[in-house]
Amino acid sequence: MATVQDCRQALDDLAKRLAANAEDARKRINLERTLACRISDLGVAFHGRLADGQLLDVVDGDDPQAKIALTTTSDDLVALVRGELDFARALGARRVSISASPFDLIKLRKLI
């Protein structure tokens, strides 16, 4: 099982990757939304925001009002960010769940 620090690092790595490709990401998904990432096996959460194709201001703690909420296990989060787990397959296998408006789900699909 991955640790809280491993999950935090995975989200930091994802934020850096999106920042490095912000222009391309912005073309594919230009959303301004709050985001919560809930780690079910550790009982922790992180939250931040998607803006201008980037993941910004990621901090510890849940945001119950987040417009987009992703729930997964610690190992699956780390594997997703490393590219070791296909997001669409993980979603289909219910290893990842996303709560968002239908419009946001369509936009997010462009990142997969």
PDB file of N, CA and C in Angstrom:
ATOM      1  N   MET A   1       0.848  -1.178   0.000  1.00  0.00           N
ATOM      2  CA  MET A   1       0.000   0.000   0.000  1.00  0.00           C
ATOM      3  C   MET A   1       0.893   1.241   0.000  1.00  0.00           C
ATOM      4  N   ALA A   2       0.571   2.163  -0.890  1.00  0.00           N
ATOM      5  CA  ALA A   2       1.300   3.430  -0.952  1.00  0.00           C
ATOM      6  C   ALA A   2       0.971   4.268   0.285  1.00  0.00           C
ATOM      7  N   THR A   3       1.866   5.150   0.629  1.00  0.00           N
ATOM      8  CA  THR A   3       1.681   6.005   1.802  1.00  0.00           C
ATOM      9  C   THR A   3       1.025   7.326   1.406  1.00  0.00           C
ATOM     10  N   VAL A   4       0.649   8.088   2.411  1.00  0.00           N
ATOM     11  CA  VAL A   4       0.095   9.427   2.167  1.00  0.00           C
ATOM     12  C   VAL A   4       1.121  10.260   1.407  1.00  0.00           C
ATOM     13  N   GLN A   5       2.381  10.159   1.798  1.00  0.00           N
ATOM     14  CA  GLN A   5       3.435  10.912   1.118  1.00  0.00           C
ATOM     15  C   GLN A   5       3.564  10.482  -0.340  1.00  0.00           C
ATOM     16  N   ASP A   6       3.439   9.179  -0.627  1.00  0.00           N
ATOM     17  CA  ASP A   6       3.484   8.699  -2.009  1.00  0.00           C
ATOM     18  C   ASP A   6       2.353   9.320  -2.834  1.00  0.00           C
ATOM     19  N   CYS A   7       1.172   9.398  -2.240  1.00  0.00           N
ATOM     20  CA  CYS A   7       0.009   9.991  -2.927  1.00  0.00           C
ATOM     21  C   CYS A   7       0.224  11.473  -3.167  1.00  0.00           C
ATOM     22  N   ARG A   8       0.731  12.155  -2.158  1.00  0.00           N
ATOM     23  CA  ARG A   8       1.019  13.591  -2.287  1.00  0.00           C
ATOM     24  C   ARG A   8       2.035  13.811  -3.407  1.00  0.00           C
ATOM     25  N   GLN A   9       3.067  12.968  -3.437  1.00  0.00           N
ATOM     26  CA  GLN A   9       4.095  13.082  -4.475  1.00  0.00           C
ATOM     27  C   GLN A   9       3.513  12.798  -5.858  1.00  0.00           C
ATOM     28  N   ALA A  10       2.639  11.809  -5.952  1.00  0.00           N
ATOM     29  CA  ALA A  10       2.008  11.501  -7.241  1.00  0.00           C
ATOM     30  C   ALA A  10       1.211  12.694  -7.749  1.00  0.00           C
ATOM     31  N   LEU A  11       0.451  13.338  -6.876  1.00  0.00           N
ATOM     32  CA  LEU A  11      -0.318  14.518  -7.285  1.00  0.00           C
ATOM     33  C   LEU A  11       0.602  15.675  -7.660  1.00  0.00           C
ATOM     34  N   ASP A  12       1.705  15.841  -6.933  1.00  0.00           N
ATOM     35  CA  ASP A  12       2.685  16.871  -7.293  1.00  0.00           C
ATOM     36  C   ASP A  12       3.286  16.584  -8.666  1.00  0.00           C
ATOM     37  N   ASP A  13       3.595  15.299  -8.923  1.00  0.00           N
ATOM     38  CA  ASP A  13       4.147  14.910 -10.228  1.00  0.00           C
ATOM     39  C   ASP A  13       3.142  15.188 -11.343  1.00  0.00           C
ATOM     40  N   LEU A  14       1.876  14.872 -11.088  1.00  0.00           N
ATOM     41  CA  LEU A  14       0.833  15.145 -12.078  1.00  0.00           C
ATOM     42  C   LEU A  14       0.724  16.641 -12.342  1.00  0.00           C
ATOM     43  N   ALA A  15       0.759  17.438 -11.290  1.00  0.00           N
ATOM     44  CA  ALA A  15       0.681  18.894 -11.444  1.00  0.00           C
ATOM     45  C   ALA A  15       1.854  19.411 -12.276  1.00  0.00           C
ATOM     46  N   LYS A  16       3.045  18.889 -12.039  1.00  0.00           N
ATOM     47  CA  LYS A  16       4.222  19.312 -12.809  1.00  0.00           C
ATOM     48  C   LYS A  16       4.098  18.909 -14.269  1.00  0.00           C
ATOM     49  N   ARG A  17       3.600  17.701 -14.511  1.00  0.00           N
ATOM     50  CA  ARG A  17       3.432  17.220 -15.881  1.00  0.00           C
ATOM     51  C   ARG A  17       2.413  18.087 -16.635  1.00  0.00           C
ATOM     52  N   LEU A  18       1.309  18.409 -15.982  1.00  0.00           N
ATOM     53  CA  LEU A  18       0.311  19.268 -16.618  1.00  0.00           C
ATOM     54  C   LEU A  18       0.867  20.669 -16.857  1.00  0.00           C
ATOM     55  N   ALA A  19       1.626  21.190 -15.914  1.00  0.00           N
ATOM     56  CA  ALA A  19       2.211  22.527 -16.076  1.00  0.00           C
ATOM     57  C   ALA A  19       3.180  22.558 -17.254  1.00  0.00           C
ATOM     58  N   ALA A  20       3.939  21.477 -17.420  1.00  0.00           N
ATOM     59  CA  ALA A  20       4.894  21.414 -18.523  1.00  0.00           C
ATOM     60  C   ALA A  20       4.193  21.345 -19.879  1.00  0.00           C
ATOM     61  N   ASN A  21       2.964  20.848 -19.872  1.00  0.00           N
ATOM     62  CA  ASN A  21       2.184  20.713 -21.108  1.00  0.00           C
ATOM     63  C   ASN A  21       0.900  21.530 -21.043  1.00  0.00           C
ATOM     64  N   ALA A  22       0.937  22.641 -20.344  1.00  0.00           N
ATOM     65  CA  ALA A  22      -0.275  23.423 -20.073  1.00  0.00           C
ATOM     66  C   ALA A  22      -0.963  23.900 -21.345  1.00  0.00           C
ATOM     67  N   GLU A  23      -0.201  24.317 -22.323  1.00  0.00           N
ATOM     68  CA  GLU A  23      -0.832  24.823 -23.545  1.00  0.00           C
ATOM     69  C   GLU A  23      -1.618  23.720 -24.242  1.00  0.00           C
ATOM     70  N   ASP A  24      -1.022  22.550 -24.372  1.00  0.00           N
ATOM     71  CA  ASP A  24      -1.717  21.422 -24.995  1.00  0.00           C
ATOM     72  C   ASP A  24      -2.918  20.992 -24.148  1.00  0.00           C
ATOM     73  N   ALA A  25      -2.714  20.909 -22.830  1.00  0.00           N
ATOM     74  CA  ALA A  25      -3.808  20.512 -21.938  1.00  0.00           C
ATOM     75  C   ALA A  25      -4.944  21.521 -21.998  1.00  0.00           C
ATOM     76  N   ARG A  26      -4.627  22.787 -22.065  1.00  0.00           N
ATOM     77  CA  ARG A  26      -5.645  23.840 -22.132  1.00  0.00           C
ATOM     78  C   ARG A  26      -6.488  23.697 -23.393  1.00  0.00           C
ATOM     79  N   LYS A  27      -5.866  23.297 -24.500  1.00  0.00           N
ATOM     80  CA  LYS A  27      -6.610  23.083 -25.736  1.00  0.00           C
ATOM     81  C   LYS A  27      -7.579  21.916 -25.595  1.00  0.00           C
ATOM     82  N   ARG A  28      -7.159  20.884 -24.858  1.00  0.00           N
ATOM     83  CA  ARG A  28      -7.985  19.686 -24.715  1.00  0.00           C
ATOM     84  C   ARG A  28      -9.014  19.808 -23.611  1.00  0.00           C
ATOM     85  N   ILE A  29      -8.674  20.496 -22.542  1.00  0.00           N
ATOM     86  CA  ILE A  29      -9.596  20.615 -21.406  1.00  0.00           C
ATOM     87  C   ILE A  29      -9.401  21.970 -20.749  1.00  0.00           C
ATOM     88  N   ASN A  30     -10.262  22.884 -21.069  1.00  0.00           N
ATOM     89  CA  ASN A  30     -10.166  24.223 -20.510  1.00  0.00           C
ATOM     90  C   ASN A  30     -11.280  24.402 -19.482  1.00  0.00           C
ATOM     91  N   LEU A  31     -11.049  23.852 -18.310  1.00  0.00           N
ATOM     92  CA  LEU A  31     -12.022  23.927 -17.223  1.00  0.00           C
ATOM     93  C   LEU A  31     -11.463  24.729 -16.063  1.00  0.00           C
ATOM     94  N   GLU A  32     -12.314  25.393 -15.372  1.00  0.00           N
ATOM     95  CA  GLU A  32     -11.976  26.052 -14.107  1.00  0.00           C
ATOM     96  C   GLU A  32     -12.856  25.379 -13.063  1.00  0.00           C
ATOM     97  N   ARG A  33     -12.310  24.381 -12.382  1.00  0.00           N
ATOM     98  CA  ARG A  33     -13.105  23.603 -11.430  1.00  0.00           C
ATOM     99  C   ARG A  33     -12.276  23.259 -10.196  1.00  0.00           C
ATOM    100  N   THR A  34     -12.979  23.144  -9.074  1.00  0.00           N
ATOM    101  CA  THR A  34     -12.344  22.612  -7.879  1.00  0.00           C
ATOM    102  C   THR A  34     -12.323  21.100  -8.008  1.00  0.00           C
ATOM    103  N   LEU A  35     -11.300  20.489  -7.411  1.00  0.00           N
ATOM    104  CA  LEU A  35     -11.080  19.060  -7.550  1.00  0.00           C
ATOM    105  C   LEU A  35     -10.727  18.466  -6.197  1.00  0.00           C
ATOM    106  N   ALA A  36     -11.345  17.345  -5.875  1.00  0.00           N
ATOM    107  CA  ALA A  36     -10.985  16.591  -4.675  1.00  0.00           C
ATOM    108  C   ALA A  36     -10.507  15.212  -5.111  1.00  0.00           C
ATOM    109  N   CYS A  37      -9.471  14.727  -4.477  1.00  0.00           N
ATOM    110  CA  CYS A  37      -8.953  13.386  -4.724  1.00  0.00           C
ATOM    111  C   CYS A  37      -9.005  12.651  -3.391  1.00  0.00           C
ATOM    112  N   ARG A  38      -9.868  11.658  -3.312  1.00  0.00           N
ATOM    113  CA  ARG A  38     -10.093  10.912  -2.071  1.00  0.00           C
ATOM    114  C   ARG A  38      -9.432   9.543  -2.167  1.00  0.00           C
ATOM    115  N   ILE A  39      -8.600   9.245  -1.183  1.00  0.00           N
ATOM    116  CA  ILE A  39      -7.851   7.992  -1.153  1.00  0.00           C
ATOM    117  C   ILE A  39      -8.545   7.063  -0.160  1.00  0.00           C
ATOM    118  N   SER A  40      -9.296   6.120  -0.691  1.00  0.00           N
ATOM    119  CA  SER A  40     -10.200   5.322   0.137  1.00  0.00           C
ATOM    120  C   SER A  40      -9.491   4.425   1.150  1.00  0.00           C
ATOM    121  N   ASP A  41      -8.374   3.811   0.778  1.00  0.00           N
ATOM    122  CA  ASP A  41      -7.727   2.879   1.708  1.00  0.00           C
ATOM    123  C   ASP A  41      -6.947   3.577   2.815  1.00  0.00           C
ATOM    124  N   LEU A  42      -6.593   4.826   2.620  1.00  0.00           N
ATOM    125  CA  LEU A  42      -5.860   5.573   3.653  1.00  0.00           C
ATOM    126  C   LEU A  42      -6.762   6.504   4.451  1.00  0.00           C
ATOM    127  N   GLY A  43      -7.978   6.733   3.941  1.00  0.00           N
ATOM    128  CA  GLY A  43      -8.892   7.638   4.636  1.00  0.00           C
ATOM    129  C   GLY A  43      -8.440   9.084   4.613  1.00  0.00           C
ATOM    130  N   VAL A  44      -7.736   9.462   3.545  1.00  0.00           N
ATOM    131  CA  VAL A  44      -7.269  10.845   3.407  1.00  0.00           C
ATOM    132  C   VAL A  44      -7.760  11.412   2.085  1.00  0.00           C
ATOM    133  N   ALA A  45      -7.619  12.707   1.941  1.00  0.00           N
ATOM    134  CA  ALA A  45      -8.004  13.373   0.700  1.00  0.00           C
ATOM    135  C   ALA A  45      -7.090  14.565   0.463  1.00  0.00           C
ATOM    136  N   PHE A  46      -7.090  14.991  -0.774  1.00  0.00           N
ATOM    137  CA  PHE A  46      -6.366  16.179  -1.195  1.00  0.00           C
ATOM    138  C   PHE A  46      -7.339  16.990  -2.038  1.00  0.00           C
ATOM    139  N   HIS A  47      -7.102  18.277  -2.124  1.00  0.00           N
ATOM    140  CA  HIS A  47      -7.940  19.078  -3.009  1.00  0.00           C
ATOM    141  C   HIS A  47      -7.117  20.213  -3.613  1.00  0.00           C
ATOM    142  N   GLY A  48      -7.611  20.661  -4.748  1.00  0.00           N
ATOM    143  CA  GLY A  48      -6.964  21.739  -5.474  1.00  0.00           C
ATOM    144  C   GLY A  48      -7.930  22.248  -6.519  1.00  0.00           C
ATOM    145  N   ARG A  49      -7.378  22.746  -7.618  1.00  0.00           N
ATOM    146  CA  ARG A  49      -8.257  23.238  -8.677  1.00  0.00           C
ATOM    147  C   ARG A  49      -7.609  23.016 -10.031  1.00  0.00           C
ATOM    148  N   LEU A  50      -8.457  22.797 -11.011  1.00  0.00           N
ATOM    149  CA  LEU A  50      -8.039  22.733 -12.400  1.00  0.00           C
ATOM    150  C   LEU A  50      -8.282  24.109 -13.001  1.00  0.00           C
ATOM    151  N   ALA A  51      -7.260  24.672 -13.606  1.00  0.00           N
ATOM    152  CA  ALA A  51      -7.381  25.984 -14.234  1.00  0.00           C
ATOM    153  C   ALA A  51      -6.323  26.117 -15.313  1.00  0.00           C
ATOM    154  N   ASP A  52      -6.729  26.620 -16.470  1.00  0.00           N
ATOM    155  CA  ASP A  52      -5.797  26.845 -17.579  1.00  0.00           C
ATOM    156  C   ASP A  52      -4.982  25.603 -17.929  1.00  0.00           C
ATOM    157  N   GLY A  53      -5.610  24.441 -17.868  1.00  0.00           N
ATOM    158  CA  GLY A  53      -4.929  23.204 -18.219  1.00  0.00           C
ATOM    159  C   GLY A  53      -3.943  22.715 -17.175  1.00  0.00           C
ATOM    160  N   GLN A  54      -4.018  23.276 -15.973  1.00  0.00           N
ATOM    161  CA  GLN A  54      -3.083  22.900 -14.912  1.00  0.00           C
ATOM    162  C   GLN A  54      -3.824  22.460 -13.656  1.00  0.00           C
ATOM    163  N   LEU A  55      -3.141  21.703 -12.833  1.00  0.00           N
ATOM    164  CA  LEU A  55      -3.617  21.327 -11.508  1.00  0.00           C
ATOM    165  C   LEU A  55      -2.872  22.216 -10.522  1.00  0.00           C
ATOM    166  N   LEU A  56      -3.622  23.061  -9.823  1.00  0.00           N
ATOM    167  CA  LEU A  56      -3.010  24.093  -8.980  1.00  0.00           C
ATOM    168  C   LEU A  56      -3.443  23.971  -7.522  1.00  0.00           C
ATOM    169  N   ASP A  57      -2.630  24.498  -6.647  1.00  0.00           N
ATOM    170  CA  ASP A  57      -2.964  24.670  -5.231  1.00  0.00           C
ATOM    171  C   ASP A  57      -3.400  23.376  -4.549  1.00  0.00           C
ATOM    172  N   VAL A  58      -2.699  22.283  -4.807  1.00  0.00           N
ATOM    173  CA  VAL A  58      -3.044  21.005  -4.192  1.00  0.00           C
ATOM    174  C   VAL A  58      -2.584  21.014  -2.739  1.00  0.00           C
ATOM    175  N   VAL A  59      -3.534  20.760  -1.842  1.00  0.00           N
ATOM    176  CA  VAL A  59      -3.253  20.725  -0.413  1.00  0.00           C
ATOM    177  C   VAL A  59      -3.948  19.523   0.218  1.00  0.00           C
ATOM    178  N   ASP A  60      -3.548  19.203   1.426  1.00  0.00           N
ATOM    179  CA  ASP A  60      -4.167  18.111   2.161  1.00  0.00           C
ATOM    180  C   ASP A  60      -5.581  18.485   2.572  1.00  0.00           C
ATOM    181  N   GLY A  61      -6.443  17.484   2.654  1.00  0.00           N
ATOM    182  CA  GLY A  61      -7.801  17.683   3.127  1.00  0.00           C
ATOM    183  C   GLY A  61      -8.815  17.582   2.009  1.00  0.00           C
ATOM    184  N   ASP A  62     -10.031  17.264   2.386  1.00  0.00           N
ATOM    185  CA  ASP A  62     -11.119  17.106   1.434  1.00  0.00           C
ATOM    186  C   ASP A  62     -11.791  18.446   1.156  1.00  0.00           C
ATOM    187  N   ASP A  63     -12.465  18.522   0.045  1.00  0.00           N
ATOM    188  CA  ASP A  63     -13.323  19.651  -0.281  1.00  0.00           C
ATOM    189  C   ASP A  63     -14.677  19.066  -0.655  1.00  0.00           C
ATOM    190  N   PRO A  64     -15.596  18.978   0.302  1.00  0.00           N
ATOM    191  CA  PRO A  64     -16.896  18.382   0.018  1.00  0.00           C
ATOM    192  C   PRO A  64     -17.683  19.116  -1.064  1.00  0.00           C
ATOM    193  N   GLN A  65     -17.323  20.357  -1.357  1.00  0.00           N
ATOM    194  CA  GLN A  65     -18.013  21.142  -2.374  1.00  0.00           C
ATOM    195  C   GLN A  65     -17.315  21.097  -3.737  1.00  0.00           C
ATOM    196  N   ALA A  66     -16.278  20.267  -3.859  1.00  0.00           N
ATOM    197  CA  ALA A  66     -15.529  20.199  -5.118  1.00  0.00           C
ATOM    198  C   ALA A  66     -16.441  19.810  -6.268  1.00  0.00           C
ATOM    199  N   LYS A  67     -16.261  20.449  -7.397  1.00  0.00           N
ATOM    200  CA  LYS A  67     -17.079  20.180  -8.580  1.00  0.00           C
ATOM    201  C   LYS A  67     -16.720  18.839  -9.216  1.00  0.00           C
ATOM    202  N   ILE A  68     -15.468  18.405  -9.027  1.00  0.00           N
ATOM    203  CA  ILE A  68     -15.011  17.114  -9.535  1.00  0.00           C
ATOM    204  C   ILE A  68     -14.376  16.365  -8.375  1.00  0.00           C
ATOM    205  N   ALA A  69     -14.811  15.133  -8.155  1.00  0.00           N
ATOM    206  CA  ALA A  69     -14.240  14.314  -7.085  1.00  0.00           C
ATOM    207  C   ALA A  69     -13.808  12.971  -7.655  1.00  0.00           C
ATOM    208  N   LEU A  70     -12.569  12.629  -7.421  1.00  0.00           N
ATOM    209  CA  LEU A  70     -12.005  11.356  -7.844  1.00  0.00           C
ATOM    210  C   LEU A  70     -11.747  10.537  -6.597  1.00  0.00           C
ATOM    211  N   THR A  71     -12.184   9.283  -6.602  1.00  0.00           N
ATOM    212  CA  THR A  71     -11.948   8.382  -5.477  1.00  0.00           C
ATOM    213  C   THR A  71     -11.243   7.142  -5.986  1.00  0.00           C
ATOM    214  N   THR A  72     -10.169   6.761  -5.308  1.00  0.00           N
ATOM    215  CA  THR A  72      -9.401   5.574  -5.679  1.00  0.00           C
ATOM    216  C   THR A  72      -8.564   5.133  -4.490  1.00  0.00           C
ATOM    217  N   THR A  73      -7.813   4.065  -4.661  1.00  0.00           N
ATOM    218  CA  THR A  73      -6.900   3.619  -3.602  1.00  0.00           C
ATOM    219  C   THR A  73      -5.535   4.273  -3.812  1.00  0.00           C
ATOM    220  N   SER A  74      -4.719   4.205  -2.799  1.00  0.00           N
ATOM    221  CA  SER A  74      -3.393   4.810  -2.865  1.00  0.00           C
ATOM    222  C   SER A  74      -2.547   4.172  -3.974  1.00  0.00           C
ATOM    223  N   ASP A  75      -2.538   2.845  -4.047  1.00  0.00           N
ATOM    224  CA  ASP A  75      -1.742   2.170  -5.070  1.00  0.00           C
ATOM    225  C   ASP A  75      -2.231   2.514  -6.474  1.00  0.00           C
ATOM    226  N   ASP A  76      -3.546   2.595  -6.652  1.00  0.00           N
ATOM    227  CA  ASP A  76      -4.081   2.911  -7.973  1.00  0.00           C
ATOM    228  C   ASP A  76      -3.785   4.352  -8.368  1.00  0.00           C
ATOM    229  N   LEU A  77      -3.822   5.278  -7.425  1.00  0.00           N
ATOM    230  CA  LEU A  77      -3.471   6.668  -7.737  1.00  0.00           C
ATOM    231  C   LEU A  77      -2.032   6.749  -8.227  1.00  0.00           C
ATOM    232  N   VAL A  78      -1.130   6.128  -7.494  1.00  0.00           N
ATOM    233  CA  VAL A  78       0.287   6.158  -7.874  1.00  0.00           C
ATOM    234  C   VAL A  78       0.475   5.501  -9.240  1.00  0.00           C
ATOM    235  N   ALA A  79      -0.174   4.365  -9.465  1.00  0.00           N
ATOM    236  CA  ALA A  79      -0.047   3.668 -10.756  1.00  0.00           C
ATOM    237  C   ALA A  79      -0.627   4.497 -11.900  1.00  0.00           C
ATOM    238  N   LEU A  80      -1.733   5.173 -11.669  1.00  0.00           N
ATOM    239  CA  LEU A  80      -2.329   6.026 -12.697  1.00  0.00           C
ATOM    240  C   LEU A  80      -1.381   7.144 -13.099  1.00  0.00           C
ATOM    241  N   VAL A  81      -0.823   7.812 -12.119  1.00  0.00           N
ATOM    242  CA  VAL A  81       0.058   8.953 -12.415  1.00  0.00           C
ATOM    243  C   VAL A  81       1.336   8.485 -13.105  1.00  0.00           C
ATOM    244  N   ARG A  82       1.828   7.326 -12.729  1.00  0.00           N
ATOM    245  CA  ARG A  82       3.043   6.793 -13.366  1.00  0.00           C
ATOM    246  C   ARG A  82       2.774   6.229 -14.755  1.00  0.00           C
ATOM    247  N   GLY A  83       1.505   6.087 -15.130  1.00  0.00           N
ATOM    248  CA  GLY A  83       1.169   5.516 -16.426  1.00  0.00           C
ATOM    249  C   GLY A  83       1.157   4.005 -16.430  1.00  0.00           C
ATOM    250  N   GLU A  84       1.188   3.401 -15.265  1.00  0.00           N
ATOM    251  CA  GLU A  84       1.192   1.950 -15.146  1.00  0.00           C
ATOM    252  C   GLU A  84      -0.222   1.364 -15.145  1.00  0.00           C
ATOM    253  N   LEU A  85      -1.224   2.200 -14.968  1.00  0.00           N
ATOM    254  CA  LEU A  85      -2.621   1.787 -14.939  1.00  0.00           C
ATOM    255  C   LEU A  85      -3.392   2.674 -15.902  1.00  0.00           C
ATOM    256  N   ASP A  86      -4.070   2.060 -16.852  1.00  0.00           N
ATOM    257  CA  ASP A  86      -4.864   2.794 -17.832  1.00  0.00           C
ATOM    258  C   ASP A  86      -6.107   3.353 -17.150  1.00  0.00           C
ATOM    259  N   PHE A  87      -6.313   4.661 -17.305  1.00  0.00           N
ATOM    260  CA  PHE A  87      -7.414   5.326 -16.614  1.00  0.00           C
ATOM    261  C   PHE A  87      -8.771   4.779 -17.043  1.00  0.00           C
ATOM    262  N   ALA A  88      -8.974   4.622 -18.333  1.00  0.00           N
ATOM    263  CA  ALA A  88     -10.272   4.136 -18.827  1.00  0.00           C
ATOM    264  C   ALA A  88     -10.566   2.739 -18.300  1.00  0.00           C
ATOM    265  N   ARG A  89      -9.570   1.882 -18.295  1.00  0.00           N
ATOM    266  CA  ARG A  89      -9.765   0.522 -17.765  1.00  0.00           C
ATOM    267  C   ARG A  89     -10.017   0.543 -16.264  1.00  0.00           C
ATOM    268  N   ALA A  90      -9.303   1.383 -15.551  1.00  0.00           N
ATOM    269  CA  ALA A  90      -9.504   1.496 -14.103  1.00  0.00           C
ATOM    270  C   ALA A  90     -10.905   2.006 -13.798  1.00  0.00           C
ATOM    271  N   LEU A  91     -11.377   2.925 -14.598  1.00  0.00           N
ATOM    272  CA  LEU A  91     -12.729   3.454 -14.428  1.00  0.00           C
ATOM    273  C   LEU A  91     -13.761   2.362 -14.710  1.00  0.00           C
ATOM    274  N   GLY A  92     -13.555   1.628 -15.786  1.00  0.00           N
ATOM    275  CA  GLY A  92     -14.462   0.541 -16.142  1.00  0.00           C
ATOM    276  C   GLY A  92     -14.481  -0.585 -15.114  1.00  0.00           C
ATOM    277  N   ALA A  93     -13.344  -0.821 -14.488  1.00  0.00           N
ATOM    278  CA  ALA A  93     -13.237  -1.871 -13.476  1.00  0.00           C
ATOM    279  C   ALA A  93     -13.621  -1.366 -12.086  1.00  0.00           C
ATOM    280  N   ARG A  94     -14.047  -0.119 -12.014  1.00  0.00           N
ATOM    281  CA  ARG A  94     -14.447   0.524 -10.760  1.00  0.00           C
ATOM    282  C   ARG A  94     -13.312   0.622  -9.739  1.00  0.00           C
ATOM    283  N   ARG A  95     -12.108   0.725 -10.253  1.00  0.00           N
ATOM    284  CA  ARG A  95     -10.959   0.970  -9.383  1.00  0.00           C
ATOM    285  C   ARG A  95     -10.807   2.461  -9.132  1.00  0.00           C
ATOM    286  N   VAL A  96     -11.476   3.240  -9.980  1.00  0.00           N
ATOM    287  CA  VAL A  96     -11.512   4.694  -9.869  1.00  0.00           C
ATOM    288  C   VAL A  96     -12.956   5.113 -10.075  1.00  0.00           C
ATOM    289  N   SER A  97     -13.398   6.063  -9.279  1.00  0.00           N
ATOM    290  CA  SER A  97     -14.724   6.637  -9.533  1.00  0.00           C
ATOM    291  C   SER A  97     -14.585   8.151  -9.605  1.00  0.00           C
ATOM    292  N   ILE A  98     -15.411   8.740 -10.463  1.00  0.00           N
ATOM    293  CA  ILE A  98     -15.410  10.184 -10.637  1.00  0.00           C
ATOM    294  C   ILE A  98     -16.828  10.692 -10.465  1.00  0.00           C
ATOM    295  N   SER A  99     -16.941  11.727  -9.665  1.00  0.00           N
ATOM    296  CA  SER A  99     -18.213  12.406  -9.492  1.00  0.00           C
ATOM    297  C   SER A  99     -18.053  13.804 -10.084  1.00  0.00           C
ATOM    298  N   ALA A 100     -18.840  14.071 -11.125  1.00  0.00           N
ATOM    299  CA  ALA A 100     -18.768  15.368 -11.800  1.00  0.00           C
ATOM    300  C   ALA A 100     -20.025  15.533 -12.638  1.00  0.00           C
ATOM    301  N   SER A 101     -20.246  16.737 -13.097  1.00  0.00           N
ATOM    302  CA  SER A 101     -21.387  16.978 -13.976  1.00  0.00           C
ATOM    303  C   SER A 101     -21.152  16.255 -15.303  1.00  0.00           C
ATOM    304  N   PRO A 102     -22.213  15.933 -16.031  1.00  0.00           N
ATOM    305  CA  PRO A 102     -22.035  15.286 -17.338  1.00  0.00           C
ATOM    306  C   PRO A 102     -21.151  16.108 -18.276  1.00  0.00           C
ATOM    307  N   PHE A 103     -21.304  17.423 -18.270  1.00  0.00           N
ATOM    308  CA  PHE A 103     -20.467  18.293 -19.107  1.00  0.00           C
ATOM    309  C   PHE A 103     -18.993  18.136 -18.736  1.00  0.00           C
ATOM    310  N   ASP A 104     -18.689  18.144 -17.440  1.00  0.00           N
ATOM    311  CA  ASP A 104     -17.305  18.011 -16.997  1.00  0.00           C
ATOM    312  C   ASP A 104     -16.746  16.636 -17.345  1.00  0.00           C
ATOM    313  N   LEU A 105     -17.567  15.603 -17.241  1.00  0.00           N
ATOM    314  CA  LEU A 105     -17.109  14.253 -17.599  1.00  0.00           C
ATOM    315  C   LEU A 105     -16.724  14.177 -19.074  1.00  0.00           C
ATOM    316  N   ILE A 106     -17.498  14.819 -19.916  1.00  0.00           N
ATOM    317  CA  ILE A 106     -17.178  14.839 -21.344  1.00  0.00           C
ATOM    318  C   ILE A 106     -15.853  15.554 -21.577  1.00  0.00           C
ATOM    319  N   LYS A 107     -15.653  16.670 -20.909  1.00  0.00           N
ATOM    320  CA  LYS A 107     -14.397  17.421 -21.048  1.00  0.00           C
ATOM    321  C   LYS A 107     -13.215  16.614 -20.502  1.00  0.00           C
ATOM    322  N   LEU A 108     -13.408  15.981 -19.344  1.00  0.00           N
ATOM    323  CA  LEU A 108     -12.331  15.205 -18.734  1.00  0.00           C
ATOM    324  C   LEU A 108     -11.939  14.008 -19.597  1.00  0.00           C
ATOM    325  N   ARG A 109     -12.901  13.483 -20.309  1.00  0.00           N
ATOM    326  CA  ARG A 109     -12.622  12.326 -21.171  1.00  0.00           C
ATOM    327  C   ARG A 109     -11.547  12.633 -22.198  1.00  0.00           C
ATOM    328  N   LYS A 110     -11.414  13.892 -22.569  1.00  0.00           N
ATOM    329  CA  LYS A 110     -10.407  14.292 -23.550  1.00  0.00           C
ATOM    330  C   LYS A 110      -8.985  14.088 -23.033  1.00  0.00           C
ATOM    331  N   LEU A 111      -8.825  14.017 -21.729  1.00  0.00           N
ATOM    332  CA  LEU A 111      -7.501  13.797 -21.157  1.00  0.00           C
ATOM    333  C   LEU A 111      -7.109  12.330 -21.158  1.00  0.00           C
ATOM    334  N   ILE A 112      -8.089  11.460 -21.290  1.00  0.00           N
ATOM    335  CA  ILE A 112      -7.822  10.012 -21.204  1.00  0.00           C
ATOM    336  C   ILE A 112      -7.211   9.513 -22.493  1.00  0.00           C
TER     337      ILE A 112
END
